[in-house]
Amino acid sequence: MNAKKIILCLVMLCSITIVKAQSNVNDAPSVSDMAGEMVTKVKLAKEYFMTSNDVVAGKTFEERTANLTTKTKALFNEYRDIRTDQNKRGLFVTKDIKESINYELSIIRQTLHYMNLPTDL
C-alpha cells in the first residue's frame, strides 16, 4: 500500500511539473511593445545628448548631433539583432524576416519622425 502511495505522489509531482513547464512559455514581446521601447530609448538618447552637461555627450552641437546619430543607429541595429535572434529561436517566425523587420522599422521611423526625433537614416 505504501509503494502505491509513493508512486501516486511521484506521478502527481511529475504531472504538476509538466503543467507548470507548459504554462511558462517564453513568448516574444509584441511588436508594439518593442516599438514603444525603441521610441523611449531614442527619446532618452536625444534628451541626454542634447541637454546633458556630461563631457561624453559632446561639447559642440555638431559633436552632440553626431553622438546622437551614432547612438540611434546602434539602437536600430540592436532592434534588428533582437528580432533576428527571436526568429532563430522560433519565438518570432516569418518567411521573410528581413522584410518583416524592415516593415517594423519603417513604422518606428514614422513614429520618431512624427515626434521630431532622429532616426537611423
PDB file of N, CA and C in Angstrom:
ATOM      1  N   MET A   1       0.818  -1.190   0.000  1.00  0.00           N
ATOM      2  CA  MET A   1       0.000   0.000   0.000  1.00  0.00           C
ATOM      3  C   MET A   1       0.865   1.259   0.000  1.00  0.00           C
ATOM      4  N   ASN A   2       1.952   1.255   0.765  1.00  0.00           N
ATOM      5  CA  ASN A   2       2.836   2.408   0.810  1.00  0.00           C
ATOM      6  C   ASN A   2       3.508   2.661  -0.532  1.00  0.00           C
ATOM      7  N   ALA A   3       3.888   1.610  -1.215  1.00  0.00           N
ATOM      8  CA  ALA A   3       4.527   1.750  -2.520  1.00  0.00           C
ATOM      9  C   ALA A   3       3.574   2.400  -3.513  1.00  0.00           C
ATOM     10  N   LYS A   4       2.285   2.045  -3.438  1.00  0.00           N
ATOM     11  CA  LYS A   4       1.291   2.643  -4.335  1.00  0.00           C
ATOM     12  C   LYS A   4       1.153   4.138  -4.062  1.00  0.00           C
ATOM     13  N   LYS A   5       1.176   4.522  -2.795  1.00  0.00           N
ATOM     14  CA  LYS A   5       1.055   5.939  -2.443  1.00  0.00           C
ATOM     15  C   LYS A   5       2.275   6.725  -2.919  1.00  0.00           C
ATOM     16  N   ILE A   6       3.447   6.130  -2.783  1.00  0.00           N
ATOM     17  CA  ILE A   6       4.677   6.799  -3.227  1.00  0.00           C
ATOM     18  C   ILE A   6       4.660   6.977  -4.738  1.00  0.00           C
ATOM     19  N   ILE A   7       4.264   5.934  -5.449  1.00  0.00           N
ATOM     20  CA  ILE A   7       4.185   6.019  -6.912  1.00  0.00           C
ATOM     21  C   ILE A   7       3.151   7.058  -7.326  1.00  0.00           C
ATOM     22  N   LEU A   8       2.016   7.074  -6.655  1.00  0.00           N
ATOM     23  CA  LEU A   8       0.973   8.053  -6.948  1.00  0.00           C
ATOM     24  C   LEU A   8       1.480   9.475  -6.709  1.00  0.00           C
ATOM     25  N   CYS A   9       2.209   9.685  -5.631  1.00  0.00           N
ATOM     26  CA  CYS A   9       2.773  11.009  -5.338  1.00  0.00           C
ATOM     27  C   CYS A   9       3.782  11.428  -6.403  1.00  0.00           C
ATOM     28  N   LEU A  10       4.620  10.485  -6.839  1.00  0.00           N
ATOM     29  CA  LEU A  10       5.591  10.791  -7.886  1.00  0.00           C
ATOM     30  C   LEU A  10       4.904  11.149  -9.201  1.00  0.00           C
ATOM     31  N   VAL A  11       3.859  10.406  -9.542  1.00  0.00           N
ATOM     32  CA  VAL A  11       3.109  10.696 -10.767  1.00  0.00           C
ATOM     33  C   VAL A  11       2.471  12.079 -10.675  1.00  0.00           C
ATOM     34  N   MET A  12       1.885  12.390  -9.534  1.00  0.00           N
ATOM     35  CA  MET A  12       1.253  13.702  -9.340  1.00  0.00           C
ATOM     36  C   MET A  12       2.295  14.817  -9.431  1.00  0.00           C
ATOM     37  N   LEU A  13       3.446  14.604  -8.809  1.00  0.00           N
ATOM     38  CA  LEU A  13       4.511  15.596  -8.833  1.00  0.00           C
ATOM     39  C   LEU A  13       5.004  15.826 -10.258  1.00  0.00           C
ATOM     40  N   CYS A  14       5.190  14.748 -11.005  1.00  0.00           N
ATOM     41  CA  CYS A  14       5.610  14.870 -12.408  1.00  0.00           C
ATOM     42  C   CYS A  14       4.558  15.596 -13.230  1.00  0.00           C
ATOM     43  N   SER A  15       3.308  15.291 -12.998  1.00  0.00           N
ATOM     44  CA  SER A  15       2.222  15.944 -13.735  1.00  0.00           C
ATOM     45  C   SER A  15       2.197  17.441 -13.461  1.00  0.00           C
ATOM     46  N   ILE A  16       2.340  17.810 -12.205  1.00  0.00           N
ATOM     47  CA  ILE A  16       2.347  19.234 -11.842  1.00  0.00           C
ATOM     48  C   ILE A  16       3.534  19.939 -12.488  1.00  0.00           C
ATOM     49  N   THR A  17       4.689  19.302 -12.472  1.00  0.00           N
ATOM     50  CA  THR A  17       5.887  19.886 -13.078  1.00  0.00           C
ATOM     51  C   THR A  17       5.697  20.085 -14.576  1.00  0.00           C
ATOM     52  N   ILE A  18       5.122  19.115 -15.249  1.00  0.00           N
ATOM     53  CA  ILE A  18       4.884  19.221 -16.690  1.00  0.00           C
ATOM     54  C   ILE A  18       3.913  20.347 -16.996  1.00  0.00           C
ATOM     55  N   VAL A  19       2.849  20.460 -16.241  1.00  0.00           N
ATOM     56  CA  VAL A  19       1.862  21.522 -16.463  1.00  0.00           C
ATOM     57  C   VAL A  19       2.493  22.889 -16.247  1.00  0.00           C
ATOM     58  N   LYS A  20       3.297  23.032 -15.202  1.00  0.00           N
ATOM     59  CA  LYS A  20       3.964  24.308 -14.942  1.00  0.00           C
ATOM     60  C   LYS A  20       4.922  24.655 -16.071  1.00  0.00           C
ATOM     61  N   ALA A  21       5.659  23.681 -16.554  1.00  0.00           N
ATOM     62  CA  ALA A  21       6.613  23.926 -17.635  1.00  0.00           C
ATOM     63  C   ALA A  21       5.899  24.357 -18.905  1.00  0.00           C
ATOM     64  N   GLN A  22       4.747  23.772 -19.182  1.00  0.00           N
ATOM     65  CA  GLN A  22       3.995  24.139 -20.377  1.00  0.00           C
ATOM     66  C   GLN A  22       3.388  25.524 -20.261  1.00  0.00           C
ATOM     67  N   SER A  23       3.053  25.947 -19.061  1.00  0.00           N
ATOM     68  CA  SER A  23       2.433  27.257 -18.895  1.00  0.00           C
ATOM     69  C   SER A  23       3.456  28.388 -18.884  1.00  0.00           C
ATOM     70  N   ASN A  24       4.737  28.078 -18.717  1.00  0.00           N
ATOM     71  CA  ASN A  24       5.791  29.091 -18.718  1.00  0.00           C
ATOM     72  C   ASN A  24       6.462  29.163 -20.085  1.00  0.00           C
ATOM     73  N   VAL A  25       5.699  29.465 -21.102  1.00  0.00           N
ATOM     74  CA  VAL A  25       6.230  29.564 -22.455  1.00  0.00           C
ATOM     75  C   VAL A  25       6.946  30.897 -22.594  1.00  0.00           C
ATOM     76  N   ASN A  26       8.097  30.885 -23.228  1.00  0.00           N
ATOM     77  CA  ASN A  26       8.851  32.117 -23.454  1.00  0.00           C
ATOM     78  C   ASN A  26       8.293  32.827 -24.680  1.00  0.00           C
ATOM     79  N   ASP A  27       7.292  33.654 -24.464  1.00  0.00           N
ATOM     80  CA  ASP A  27       6.702  34.393 -25.568  1.00  0.00           C
ATOM     81  C   ASP A  27       7.579  35.584 -25.926  1.00  0.00           C
ATOM     82  N   ALA A  28       7.628  35.867 -27.202  1.00  0.00           N
ATOM     83  CA  ALA A  28       8.343  37.052 -27.657  1.00  0.00           C
ATOM     84  C   ALA A  28       7.505  38.277 -27.340  1.00  0.00           C
ATOM     85  N   PRO A  29       8.149  39.378 -26.990  1.00  0.00           N
ATOM     86  CA  PRO A  29       7.373  40.594 -26.759  1.00  0.00           C
ATOM     87  C   PRO A  29       6.700  41.024 -28.054  1.00  0.00           C
ATOM     88  N   SER A  30       5.575  41.683 -27.920  1.00  0.00           N
ATOM     89  CA  SER A  30       4.853  42.098 -29.121  1.00  0.00           C
ATOM     90  C   SER A  30       5.631  43.186 -29.850  1.00  0.00           C
ATOM     91  N   VAL A  31       5.327  43.330 -31.124  1.00  0.00           N
ATOM     92  CA  VAL A  31       5.990  44.336 -31.945  1.00  0.00           C
ATOM     93  C   VAL A  31       5.706  45.728 -31.392  1.00  0.00           C
ATOM     94  N   SER A  32       4.481  45.968 -30.952  1.00  0.00           N
ATOM     95  CA  SER A  32       4.147  47.297 -30.435  1.00  0.00           C
ATOM     96  C   SER A  32       4.901  47.592 -29.139  1.00  0.00           C
ATOM     97  N   ASP A  33       5.113  46.571 -28.297  1.00  0.00           N
ATOM     98  CA  ASP A  33       5.905  46.777 -27.079  1.00  0.00           C
ATOM     99  C   ASP A  33       7.347  47.130 -27.422  1.00  0.00           C
ATOM    100  N   MET A  34       7.913  46.399 -28.375  1.00  0.00           N
ATOM    101  CA  MET A  34       9.296  46.665 -28.769  1.00  0.00           C
ATOM    102  C   MET A  34       9.422  48.022 -29.444  1.00  0.00           C
ATOM    103  N   ALA A  35       8.420  48.395 -30.247  1.00  0.00           N
ATOM    104  CA  ALA A  35       8.447  49.704 -30.902  1.00  0.00           C
ATOM    105  C   ALA A  35       8.369  50.813 -29.860  1.00  0.00           C
ATOM    106  N   GLY A  36       7.514  50.640 -28.868  1.00  0.00           N
ATOM    107  CA  GLY A  36       7.409  51.629 -27.802  1.00  0.00           C
ATOM    108  C   GLY A  36       8.701  51.767 -27.023  1.00  0.00           C
ATOM    109  N   GLU A  37       9.344  50.638 -26.768  1.00  0.00           N
ATOM    110  CA  GLU A  37      10.628  50.662 -26.069  1.00  0.00           C
ATOM    111  C   GLU A  37      11.686  51.372 -26.906  1.00  0.00           C
ATOM    112  N   MET A  38      11.651  51.138 -28.217  1.00  0.00           N
ATOM    113  CA  MET A  38      12.605  51.772 -29.123  1.00  0.00           C
ATOM    114  C   MET A  38      12.421  53.289 -29.121  1.00  0.00           C
ATOM    115  N   VAL A  39      11.178  53.741 -29.212  1.00  0.00           N
ATOM    116  CA  VAL A  39      10.886  55.173 -29.211  1.00  0.00           C
ATOM    117  C   VAL A  39      11.357  55.795 -27.895  1.00  0.00           C
ATOM    118  N   THR A  40      11.118  55.113 -26.798  1.00  0.00           N
ATOM    119  CA  THR A  40      11.549  55.613 -25.490  1.00  0.00           C
ATOM    120  C   THR A  40      13.068  55.734 -25.417  1.00  0.00           C
ATOM    121  N   LYS A  41      13.771  54.720 -25.921  1.00  0.00           N
ATOM    122  CA  LYS A  41      15.238  54.761 -25.898  1.00  0.00           C
ATOM    123  C   LYS A  41      15.779  55.916 -26.731  1.00  0.00           C
ATOM    124  N   VAL A  42      15.189  56.146 -27.913  1.00  0.00           N
ATOM    125  CA  VAL A  42      15.646  57.249 -28.763  1.00  0.00           C
ATOM    126  C   VAL A  42      15.336  58.590 -28.097  1.00  0.00           C
ATOM    127  N   LYS A  43      14.172  58.686 -27.493  1.00  0.00           N
ATOM    128  CA  LYS A  43      13.793  59.925 -26.802  1.00  0.00           C
ATOM    129  C   LYS A  43      14.773  60.226 -25.661  1.00  0.00           C
ATOM    130  N   LEU A  44      15.114  59.211 -24.882  1.00  0.00           N
ATOM    131  CA  LEU A  44      16.072  59.396 -23.788  1.00  0.00           C
ATOM    132  C   LEU A  44      17.466  59.746 -24.310  1.00  0.00           C
ATOM    133  N   ALA A  45      17.857  59.118 -25.417  1.00  0.00           N
ATOM    134  CA  ALA A  45      19.163  59.423 -26.009  1.00  0.00           C
ATOM    135  C   ALA A  45      19.207  60.871 -26.478  1.00  0.00           C
ATOM    136  N   LYS A  46      18.140  61.333 -27.109  1.00  0.00           N
ATOM    137  CA  LYS A  46      18.106  62.722 -27.573  1.00  0.00           C
ATOM    138  C   LYS A  46      18.190  63.677 -26.391  1.00  0.00           C
ATOM    139  N   GLU A  47      17.434  63.379 -25.352  1.00  0.00           N
ATOM    140  CA  GLU A  47      17.464  64.233 -24.167  1.00  0.00           C
ATOM    141  C   GLU A  47      18.867  64.268 -23.559  1.00  0.00           C
ATOM    142  N   TYR A  48      19.507  63.111 -23.482  1.00  0.00           N
ATOM    143  CA  TYR A  48      20.849  63.047 -22.904  1.00  0.00           C
ATOM    144  C   TYR A  48      21.852  63.822 -23.750  1.00  0.00           C
ATOM    145  N   PHE A  49      21.919  63.510 -25.036  1.00  0.00           N
ATOM    146  CA  PHE A  49      22.953  64.111 -25.872  1.00  0.00           C
ATOM    147  C   PHE A  49      22.730  65.599 -26.125  1.00  0.00           C
ATOM    148  N   MET A  50      21.504  66.063 -26.076  1.00  0.00           N
ATOM    149  CA  MET A  50      21.249  67.470 -26.366  1.00  0.00           C
ATOM    150  C   MET A  50      21.218  68.363 -25.125  1.00  0.00           C
ATOM    151  N   THR A  51      20.987  67.787 -23.954  1.00  0.00           N
ATOM    152  CA  THR A  51      20.853  68.639 -22.767  1.00  0.00           C
ATOM    153  C   THR A  51      21.857  68.343 -21.666  1.00  0.00           C
ATOM    154  N   SER A  52      22.589  67.259 -21.764  1.00  0.00           N
ATOM    155  CA  SER A  52      23.492  66.855 -20.685  1.00  0.00           C
ATOM    156  C   SER A  52      24.725  67.748 -20.618  1.00  0.00           C
ATOM    157  N   ASN A  53      25.216  67.952 -19.413  1.00  0.00           N
ATOM    158  CA  ASN A  53      26.479  68.664 -19.206  1.00  0.00           C
ATOM    159  C   ASN A  53      27.657  67.701 -19.209  1.00  0.00           C
ATOM    160  N   ASP A  54      27.387  66.431 -19.404  1.00  0.00           N
ATOM    161  CA  ASP A  54      28.409  65.396 -19.413  1.00  0.00           C
ATOM    162  C   ASP A  54      29.335  65.598 -20.611  1.00  0.00           C
ATOM    163  N   VAL A  55      30.635  65.460 -20.380  1.00  0.00           N
ATOM    164  CA  VAL A  55      31.622  65.635 -21.444  1.00  0.00           C
ATOM    165  C   VAL A  55      31.454  64.567 -22.525  1.00  0.00           C
ATOM    166  N   VAL A  56      31.034  63.365 -22.131  1.00  0.00           N
ATOM    167  CA  VAL A  56      30.859  62.264 -23.079  1.00  0.00           C
ATOM    168  C   VAL A  56      29.786  62.594 -24.118  1.00  0.00           C
ATOM    169  N   ALA A  57      28.802  63.387 -23.738  1.00  0.00           N
ATOM    170  CA  ALA A  57      27.722  63.746 -24.663  1.00  0.00           C
ATOM    171  C   ALA A  57      28.238  64.590 -25.822  1.00  0.00           C
ATOM    172  N   GLY A  58      29.301  65.326 -25.598  1.00  0.00           N
ATOM    173  CA  GLY A  58      29.877  66.177 -26.630  1.00  0.00           C
ATOM    174  C   GLY A  58      29.919  67.620 -26.168  1.00  0.00           C
ATOM    175  N   LYS A  59      30.829  68.380 -26.774  1.00  0.00           N
ATOM    176  CA  LYS A  59      30.976  69.785 -26.388  1.00  0.00           C
ATOM    177  C   LYS A  59      30.163  70.690 -27.295  1.00  0.00           C
ATOM    178  N   THR A  60      30.301  70.488 -28.586  1.00  0.00           N
ATOM    179  CA  THR A  60      29.599  71.355 -29.537  1.00  0.00           C
ATOM    180  C   THR A  60      28.312  70.682 -29.998  1.00  0.00           C
ATOM    181  N   PHE A  61      27.475  71.465 -30.644  1.00  0.00           N
ATOM    182  CA  PHE A  61      26.221  70.935 -31.174  1.00  0.00           C
ATOM    183  C   PHE A  61      26.490  69.843 -32.202  1.00  0.00           C
ATOM    184  N   GLU A  62      27.522  70.041 -33.025  1.00  0.00           N
ATOM    185  CA  GLU A  62      27.851  69.056 -34.059  1.00  0.00           C
ATOM    186  C   GLU A  62      28.281  67.728 -33.435  1.00  0.00           C
ATOM    187  N   GLU A  63      29.101  67.806 -32.373  1.00  0.00           N
ATOM    188  CA  GLU A  63      29.524  66.579 -31.688  1.00  0.00           C
ATOM    189  C   GLU A  63      28.331  65.867 -31.061  1.00  0.00           C
ATOM    190  N   ARG A  64      27.466  66.638 -30.432  1.00  0.00           N
ATOM    191  CA  ARG A  64      26.288  66.057 -29.789  1.00  0.00           C
ATOM    192  C   ARG A  64      25.379  65.390 -30.826  1.00  0.00           C
ATOM    193  N   THR A  65      25.198  66.066 -31.961  1.00  0.00           N
ATOM    194  CA  THR A  65      24.362  65.510 -33.026  1.00  0.00           C
ATOM    195  C   THR A  65      24.978  64.229 -33.586  1.00  0.00           C
ATOM    196  N   ALA A  66      26.295  64.241 -33.788  1.00  0.00           N
ATOM    197  CA  ALA A  66      26.980  63.048 -34.297  1.00  0.00           C
ATOM    198  C   ALA A  66      26.865  61.891 -33.298  1.00  0.00           C
ATOM    199  N   ASN A  67      27.036  62.186 -32.019  1.00  0.00           N
ATOM    200  CA  ASN A  67      26.909  61.142 -30.992  1.00  0.00           C
ATOM    201  C   ASN A  67      25.486  60.596 -30.929  1.00  0.00           C
ATOM    202  N   LEU A  68      24.510  61.483 -31.058  1.00  0.00           N
ATOM    203  CA  LEU A  68      23.110  61.048 -31.060  1.00  0.00           C
ATOM    204  C   LEU A  68      22.818  60.170 -32.272  1.00  0.00           C
ATOM    205  N   THR A  69      23.334  60.553 -33.419  1.00  0.00           N
ATOM    206  CA  THR A  69      23.135  59.755 -34.633  1.00  0.00           C
ATOM    207  C   THR A  69      23.756  58.367 -34.472  1.00  0.00           C
ATOM    208  N   THR A  70      24.952  58.320 -33.915  1.00  0.00           N
ATOM    209  CA  THR A  70      25.623  57.036 -33.680  1.00  0.00           C
ATOM    210  C   THR A  70      24.811  56.163 -32.732  1.00  0.00           C
ATOM    211  N   LYS A  71      24.321  56.755 -31.654  1.00  0.00           N
ATOM    212  CA  LYS A  71      23.518  56.008 -30.679  1.00  0.00           C
ATOM    213  C   LYS A  71      22.221  55.513 -31.308  1.00  0.00           C
ATOM    214  N   THR A  72      21.578  56.361 -32.110  1.00  0.00           N
ATOM    215  CA  THR A  72      20.322  55.980 -32.755  1.00  0.00           C
ATOM    216  C   THR A  72      20.541  54.814 -33.714  1.00  0.00           C
ATOM    217  N   LYS A  73      21.611  54.877 -34.496  1.00  0.00           N
ATOM    218  CA  LYS A  73      21.921  53.769 -35.406  1.00  0.00           C
ATOM    219  C   LYS A  73      22.189  52.486 -34.628  1.00  0.00           C
ATOM    220  N   ALA A  74      22.868  52.612 -33.496  1.00  0.00           N
ATOM    221  CA  ALA A  74      23.139  51.433 -32.662  1.00  0.00           C
ATOM    222  C   ALA A  74      21.838  50.838 -32.125  1.00  0.00           C
ATOM    223  N   LEU A  75      20.882  51.695 -31.754  1.00  0.00           N
ATOM    224  CA  LEU A  75      19.590  51.202 -31.264  1.00  0.00           C
ATOM    225  C   LEU A  75      18.825  50.466 -32.362  1.00  0.00           C
ATOM    226  N   PHE A  76      18.862  50.993 -33.586  1.00  0.00           N
ATOM    227  CA  PHE A  76      18.189  50.324 -34.703  1.00  0.00           C
ATOM    228  C   PHE A  76      18.854  48.978 -34.995  1.00  0.00           C
ATOM    229  N   ASN A  77      20.186  48.934 -34.947  1.00  0.00           N
ATOM    230  CA  ASN A  77      20.891  47.666 -35.167  1.00  0.00           C
ATOM    231  C   ASN A  77      20.588  46.665 -34.061  1.00  0.00           C
ATOM    232  N   GLU A  78      20.476  47.152 -32.833  1.00  0.00           N
ATOM    233  CA  GLU A  78      20.119  46.285 -31.709  1.00  0.00           C
ATOM    234  C   GLU A  78      18.730  45.683 -31.923  1.00  0.00           C
ATOM    235  N   TYR A  79      17.797  46.494 -32.402  1.00  0.00           N
ATOM    236  CA  TYR A  79      16.442  46.012 -32.679  1.00  0.00           C
ATOM    237  C   TYR A  79      16.487  44.901 -33.731  1.00  0.00           C
ATOM    238  N   ARG A  80      17.240  45.141 -34.814  1.00  0.00           N
ATOM    239  CA  ARG A  80      17.372  44.123 -35.866  1.00  0.00           C
ATOM    240  C   ARG A  80      17.942  42.823 -35.297  1.00  0.00           C
ATOM    241  N   ASP A  81      18.978  42.944 -34.481  1.00  0.00           N
ATOM    242  CA  ASP A  81      19.618  41.757 -33.898  1.00  0.00           C
ATOM    243  C   ASP A  81      18.658  40.983 -32.998  1.00  0.00           C
ATOM    244  N   ILE A  82      17.892  41.702 -32.187  1.00  0.00           N
ATOM    245  CA  ILE A  82      16.943  41.046 -31.280  1.00  0.00           C
ATOM    246  C   ILE A  82      15.882  40.296 -32.070  1.00  0.00           C
ATOM    247  N   ARG A  83      15.306  40.945 -33.090  1.00  0.00           N
ATOM    248  CA  ARG A  83      14.258  40.300 -33.887  1.00  0.00           C
ATOM    249  C   ARG A  83      14.812  39.107 -34.664  1.00  0.00           C
ATOM    250  N   THR A  84      16.014  39.227 -35.188  1.00  0.00           N
ATOM    251  CA  THR A  84      16.628  38.109 -35.909  1.00  0.00           C
ATOM    252  C   THR A  84      16.873  36.942 -34.960  1.00  0.00           C
ATOM    253  N   ASP A  85      17.350  37.239 -33.750  1.00  0.00           N
ATOM    254  CA  ASP A  85      17.581  36.194 -32.750  1.00  0.00           C
ATOM    255  C   ASP A  85      16.274  35.512 -32.356  1.00  0.00           C
ATOM    256  N   GLN A  86      15.209  36.298 -32.193  1.00  0.00           N
ATOM    257  CA  GLN A  86      13.908  35.710 -31.856  1.00  0.00           C
ATOM    258  C   GLN A  86      13.434  34.778 -32.964  1.00  0.00           C
ATOM    259  N   ASN A  87      13.686  35.153 -34.203  1.00  0.00           N
ATOM    260  CA  ASN A  87      13.295  34.304 -35.325  1.00  0.00           C
ATOM    261  C   ASN A  87      14.093  33.000 -35.312  1.00  0.00           C
ATOM    262  N   LYS A  88      15.380  33.082 -35.005  1.00  0.00           N
ATOM    263  CA  LYS A  88      16.219  31.878 -34.954  1.00  0.00           C
ATOM    264  C   LYS A  88      15.782  30.931 -33.839  1.00  0.00           C
ATOM    265  N   ARG A  89      15.338  31.497 -32.710  1.00  0.00           N
ATOM    266  CA  ARG A  89      14.897  30.676 -31.582  1.00  0.00           C
ATOM    267  C   ARG A  89      13.472  30.172 -31.766  1.00  0.00           C
ATOM    268  N   GLY A  90      12.783  30.641 -32.793  1.00  0.00           N
ATOM    269  CA  GLY A  90      11.425  30.181 -33.047  1.00  0.00           C
ATOM    270  C   GLY A  90      10.355  30.964 -32.327  1.00  0.00           C
ATOM    271  N   LEU A  91      10.719  32.061 -31.679  1.00  0.00           N
ATOM    272  CA  LEU A  91       9.738  32.879 -30.973  1.00  0.00           C
ATOM    273  C   LEU A  91       8.990  33.809 -31.919  1.00  0.00           C
ATOM    274  N   PHE A  92       9.608  34.099 -33.038  1.00  0.00           N
ATOM    275  CA  PHE A  92       9.045  35.036 -33.999  1.00  0.00           C
ATOM    276  C   PHE A  92       9.334  34.454 -35.373  1.00  0.00           C
ATOM    277  N   VAL A  93       8.366  33.781 -35.934  1.00  0.00           N
ATOM    278  CA  VAL A  93       8.605  33.052 -37.173  1.00  0.00           C
ATOM    279  C   VAL A  93       7.903  33.752 -38.328  1.00  0.00           C
ATOM    280  N   THR A  94       8.657  34.023 -39.349  1.00  0.00           N
ATOM    281  CA  THR A  94       8.107  34.593 -40.570  1.00  0.00           C
ATOM    282  C   THR A  94       8.933  34.080 -41.740  1.00  0.00           C
ATOM    283  N   LYS A  95       8.346  34.085 -42.904  1.00  0.00           N
ATOM    284  CA  LYS A  95       9.061  33.570 -44.072  1.00  0.00           C
ATOM    285  C   LYS A  95      10.214  34.485 -44.449  1.00  0.00           C
ATOM    286  N   ASP A  96       9.954  35.781 -44.471  1.00  0.00           N
ATOM    287  CA  ASP A  96      10.993  36.731 -44.846  1.00  0.00           C
ATOM    288  C   ASP A  96      11.253  37.665 -43.670  1.00  0.00           C
ATOM    289  N   ILE A  97      12.185  37.278 -42.823  1.00  0.00           N
ATOM    290  CA  ILE A  97      12.454  38.030 -41.598  1.00  0.00           C
ATOM    291  C   ILE A  97      12.966  39.428 -41.907  1.00  0.00           C
ATOM    292  N   LYS A  98      13.798  39.567 -42.931  1.00  0.00           N
ATOM    293  CA  LYS A  98      14.338  40.895 -43.252  1.00  0.00           C
ATOM    294  C   LYS A  98      13.232  41.849 -43.673  1.00  0.00           C
ATOM    295  N   GLU A  99      12.313  41.361 -44.485  1.00  0.00           N
ATOM    296  CA  GLU A  99      11.198  42.206 -44.922  1.00  0.00           C
ATOM    297  C   GLU A  99      10.325  42.601 -43.737  1.00  0.00           C
ATOM    298  N   SER A 100      10.087  41.670 -42.856  1.00  0.00           N
ATOM    299  CA  SER A 100       9.274  41.935 -41.671  1.00  0.00           C
ATOM    300  C   SER A 100       9.937  42.969 -40.767  1.00  0.00           C
ATOM    301  N   ILE A 101      11.232  42.817 -40.530  1.00  0.00           N
ATOM    302  CA  ILE A 101      11.960  43.770 -39.687  1.00  0.00           C
ATOM    303  C   ILE A 101      11.976  45.144 -40.336  1.00  0.00           C
ATOM    304  N   ASN A 102      12.201  45.197 -41.637  1.00  0.00           N
ATOM    305  CA  ASN A 102      12.207  46.490 -42.332  1.00  0.00           C
ATOM    306  C   ASN A 102      10.853  47.178 -42.232  1.00  0.00           C
ATOM    307  N   TYR A 103       9.777  46.404 -42.312  1.00  0.00           N
ATOM    308  CA  TYR A 103       8.445  46.990 -42.164  1.00  0.00           C
ATOM    309  C   TYR A 103       8.261  47.547 -40.752  1.00  0.00           C
ATOM    310  N   GLU A 104       8.654  46.768 -39.745  1.00  0.00           N
ATOM    311  CA  GLU A 104       8.542  47.227 -38.356  1.00  0.00           C
ATOM    312  C   GLU A 104       9.353  48.501 -38.138  1.00  0.00           C
ATOM    313  N   LEU A 105      10.573  48.525 -38.679  1.00  0.00           N
ATOM    314  CA  LEU A 105      11.419  49.701 -38.506  1.00  0.00           C
ATOM    315  C   LEU A 105      10.861  50.910 -39.246  1.00  0.00           C
ATOM    316  N   SER A 106      10.181  50.688 -40.365  1.00  0.00           N
ATOM    317  CA  SER A 106       9.576  51.827 -41.070  1.00  0.00           C
ATOM    318  C   SER A 106       8.467  52.447 -40.229  1.00  0.00           C
ATOM    319  N   ILE A 107       7.713  51.616 -39.525  1.00  0.00           N
ATOM    320  CA  ILE A 107       6.676  52.130 -38.620  1.00  0.00           C
ATOM    321  C   ILE A 107       7.327  52.920 -37.482  1.00  0.00           C
ATOM    322  N   ILE A 108       8.405  52.394 -36.934  1.00  0.00           N
ATOM    323  CA  ILE A 108       9.114  53.087 -35.852  1.00  0.00           C
ATOM    324  C   ILE A 108       9.670  54.413 -36.359  1.00  0.00           C
ATOM    325  N   ARG A 109      10.241  54.411 -37.568  1.00  0.00           N
ATOM    326  CA  ARG A 109      10.768  55.662 -38.139  1.00  0.00           C
ATOM    327  C   ARG A 109       9.673  56.708 -38.293  1.00  0.00           C
ATOM    328  N   GLN A 110       8.502  56.282 -38.757  1.00  0.00           N
ATOM    329  CA  GLN A 110       7.387  57.227 -38.899  1.00  0.00           C
ATOM    330  C   GLN A 110       7.004  57.820 -37.550  1.00  0.00           C
ATOM    331  N   THR A 111       6.956  56.990 -36.529  1.00  0.00           N
ATOM    332  CA  THR A 111       6.626  57.470 -35.185  1.00  0.00           C
ATOM    333  C   THR A 111       7.679  58.453 -34.695  1.00  0.00           C
ATOM    334  N   LEU A 112       8.947  58.119 -34.881  1.00  0.00           N
ATOM    335  CA  LEU A 112      10.025  59.008 -34.454  1.00  0.00           C
ATOM    336  C   LEU A 112       9.979  60.327 -35.217  1.00  0.00           C
ATOM    337  N   HIS A 113       9.720  60.239 -36.517  1.00  0.00           N
ATOM    338  CA  HIS A 113       9.639  61.451 -37.336  1.00  0.00           C
ATOM    339  C   HIS A 113       8.487  62.336 -36.862  1.00  0.00           C
ATOM    340  N   TYR A 114       7.352  61.729 -36.563  1.00  0.00           N
ATOM    341  CA  TYR A 114       6.188  62.462 -36.077  1.00  0.00           C
ATOM    342  C   TYR A 114       6.494  63.159 -34.753  1.00  0.00           C
ATOM    343  N   MET A 115       7.313  62.522 -33.920  1.00  0.00           N
ATOM    344  CA  MET A 115       7.666  63.088 -32.618  1.00  0.00           C
ATOM    345  C   MET A 115       8.899  63.988 -32.689  1.00  0.00           C
ATOM    346  N   ASN A 116       9.382  64.244 -33.911  1.00  0.00           N
ATOM    347  CA  ASN A 116      10.556  65.088 -34.138  1.00  0.00           C
ATOM    348  C   ASN A 116      11.798  64.518 -33.441  1.00  0.00           C
ATOM    349  N   LEU A 117      11.946  63.204 -33.557  1.00  0.00           N
ATOM    350  CA  LEU A 117      13.101  62.510 -33.000  1.00  0.00           C
ATOM    351  C   LEU A 117      13.935  61.949 -34.147  1.00  0.00           C
ATOM    352  N   PRO A 118      15.233  61.746 -33.936  1.00  0.00           N
ATOM    353  CA  PRO A 118      16.094  61.250 -35.016  1.00  0.00           C
ATOM    354  C   PRO A 118      15.830  59.781 -35.338  1.00  0.00           C
ATOM    355  N   THR A 119      16.152  59.420 -36.575  1.00  0.00           N
ATOM    356  CA  THR A 119      16.080  58.018 -36.998  1.00  0.00           C
ATOM    357  C   THR A 119      17.469  57.581 -37.440  1.00  0.00           C
ATOM    358  N   ASP A 120      17.564  56.363 -37.921  1.00  0.00           N
ATOM    359  CA  ASP A 120      18.858  55.840 -38.355  1.00  0.00           C
ATOM    360  C   ASP A 120      19.202  56.241 -39.782  1.00  0.00           C
ATOM    361  N   LEU A 121      18.327  56.947 -40.448  1.00  0.00           N
ATOM    362  CA  LEU A 121      18.591  57.343 -41.839  1.00  0.00           C
ATOM    363  C   LEU A 121      19.267  58.685 -41.918  1.00  0.00           C
TER     364      LEU A 121
END
